[in-house]
C-alpha atoms as a PDB file:
ATOM      1  CA  MET A   1       0.000   0.000   0.000  1.00  0.00           C
ATOM      2  CA  THR A   2       1.138   3.539  -0.658  1.00  0.00           C
ATOM      3  CA  ASP A   3       0.946   6.627   1.501  1.00  0.00           C
ATOM      4  CA  GLU A   4      -1.123   9.715   0.658  1.00  0.00           C
ATOM      5  CA  ARG A   5       1.522  10.807  -1.880  1.00  0.00           C
ATOM      6  CA  GLY A   6       1.559   7.448  -3.651  1.00  0.00           C
ATOM      7  CA  GLU A   7       4.958   6.522  -2.215  1.00  0.00           C
ATOM      8  CA  PHE A   8       5.978   3.270  -0.600  1.00  0.00           C
ATOM      9  CA  ALA A   9       9.129   1.724   0.862  1.00  0.00           C
ATOM     10  CA  LEU A  10      10.306  -1.851   1.128  1.00  0.00           C
ATOM     11  CA  PRO A  11      13.141  -1.679   3.671  1.00  0.00           C
ATOM     12  CA  ALA A  12      15.688  -4.412   4.381  1.00  0.00           C
ATOM     13  CA  LEU A  13      15.053  -6.632   1.361  1.00  0.00           C
ATOM     14  CA  PRO A  14      17.661  -9.352   0.865  1.00  0.00           C
ATOM     15  CA  THR A  15      20.021  -9.089  -2.124  1.00  0.00           C
ATOM     16  CA  GLY A  16      18.540 -10.688  -5.217  1.00  0.00           C
ATOM     17  CA  GLN A  17      16.189 -10.399  -8.168  1.00  0.00           C
ATOM     18  CA  TYR A  18      12.681  -9.068  -7.699  1.00  0.00           C
ATOM     19  CA  ARG A  19       9.467  -8.612  -9.666  1.00  0.00           C
ATOM     20  CA  LEU A  20       7.437  -5.532  -8.783  1.00  0.00           C
ATOM     21  CA  GLN A  21       3.755  -5.411  -9.689  1.00  0.00           C
ATOM     22  CA  ILE A  22       1.540  -2.362  -9.215  1.00  0.00           C
ATOM     23  CA  ALA A  23      -2.193  -2.978  -9.518  1.00  0.00           C
ATOM     24  CA  LEU A  24      -5.353  -1.081  -8.672  1.00  0.00           C
ATOM     25  CA  GLN A  25      -8.880  -1.692  -9.898  1.00  0.00           C
ATOM     26  CA  GLY A  26      -9.661   0.549 -12.872  1.00  0.00           C
ATOM     27  CA  PHE A  27      -5.997   0.931 -13.886  1.00  0.00           C
ATOM     28  CA  LYS A  28      -3.689  -1.123 -16.082  1.00  0.00           C
ATOM     29  CA  THR A  29      -1.383  -3.391 -14.094  1.00  0.00           C
ATOM     30  CA  TYR A  30       2.297  -2.413 -14.249  1.00  0.00           C
ATOM     31  CA  THR A  31       4.959  -5.111 -13.879  1.00  0.00           C
ATOM     32  CA  ASN A  32       8.708  -4.530 -13.583  1.00  0.00           C
ATOM     33  CA  GLU A  33      10.615  -7.806 -13.902  1.00  0.00           C
ATOM     34  CA  GLY A  34      14.322  -8.396 -13.380  1.00  0.00           C
ATOM     35  CA  LEU A  35      14.815  -5.714 -10.732  1.00  0.00           C
ATOM     36  CA  THR A  36      18.168  -6.606  -9.127  1.00  0.00           C
ATOM     37  CA  LEU A  37      19.022  -5.311  -5.665  1.00  0.00           C
ATOM     38  CA  GLY A  38      22.510  -5.354  -4.179  1.00  0.00           C
ATOM     39  CA  ALA A  39      23.574  -5.236  -0.534  1.00  0.00           C
ATOM     40  CA  GLY A  40      22.737  -1.890   1.075  1.00  0.00           C
ATOM     41  CA  GLN A  41      21.382  -0.506  -2.199  1.00  0.00           C
ATOM     42  CA  VAL A  42      18.694   2.174  -2.226  1.00  0.00           C
ATOM     43  CA  VAL A  43      16.586   2.389  -5.395  1.00  0.00           C
ATOM     44  CA  ARG A  44      14.157   5.211  -6.121  1.00  0.00           C
ATOM     45  CA  GLN A  45      11.862   4.855  -9.125  1.00  0.00           C
ATOM     46  CA  THR A  46       8.856   6.702 -10.469  1.00  0.00           C
ATOM     47  CA  PHE A  47       6.004   4.797 -12.060  1.00  0.00           C
ATOM     48  CA  VAL A  48       3.067   6.084 -14.072  1.00  0.00           C
ATOM     49  CA  ILE A  49       0.044   3.839 -14.299  1.00  0.00           C
ATOM     50  CA  GLU A  50      -2.625   4.335 -16.935  1.00  0.00           C
ATOM     51  CA  VAL A  51      -6.379   4.187 -16.640  1.00  0.00           C
ATOM     52  CA  GLY A  52      -7.465   0.796 -17.911  1.00  0.00           C
ATOM     53  CA  ALA A  53     -10.617  -0.838 -19.121  1.00  0.00           C
ATOM     54  CA  LEU A  54     -13.028  -1.973 -16.463  1.00  0.00           C
ATOM     55  CA  ALA A  55     -13.265  -5.727 -16.120  1.00  0.00           C
ATOM     56  CA  GLU A  56     -15.896  -7.944 -14.570  1.00  0.00           C
ATOM     57  CA  ASN A  57     -15.710 -11.536 -13.436  1.00  0.00           C
ATOM     58  CA  ILE A  58     -19.003 -13.376 -13.456  1.00  0.00           C
ATOM     59  CA  THR A  59     -19.325 -16.888 -12.079  1.00  0.00           C
ATOM     60  CA  VAL A  60     -22.437 -18.874 -12.914  1.00  0.00           C
ATOM     61  CA  ALA A  61     -23.123 -22.103 -11.065  1.00  0.00           C
ATOM     62  CA  ALA A  62     -26.107 -24.363 -11.618  1.00  0.00           C
ATOM     63  CA  SER A  63     -27.172 -27.770 -10.444  1.00  0.00           C
ATOM     64  CA  ALA A  64     -29.626 -30.203 -11.976  1.00  0.00           C
END
């Protein structure tokens, strides 16, 4: 979750490769794959998400 400015922090992540996914209903999902973090590294990035098409899931169940 973000704060009121849309910012978030993920402190103390272990070194390695990460996949970041930003999703909110009504917006296109943004995925950043192959994000590599080193020891003690601080990364600051800006993301712009776009308004997306609305989607609905409908489940129909029937019994005889």
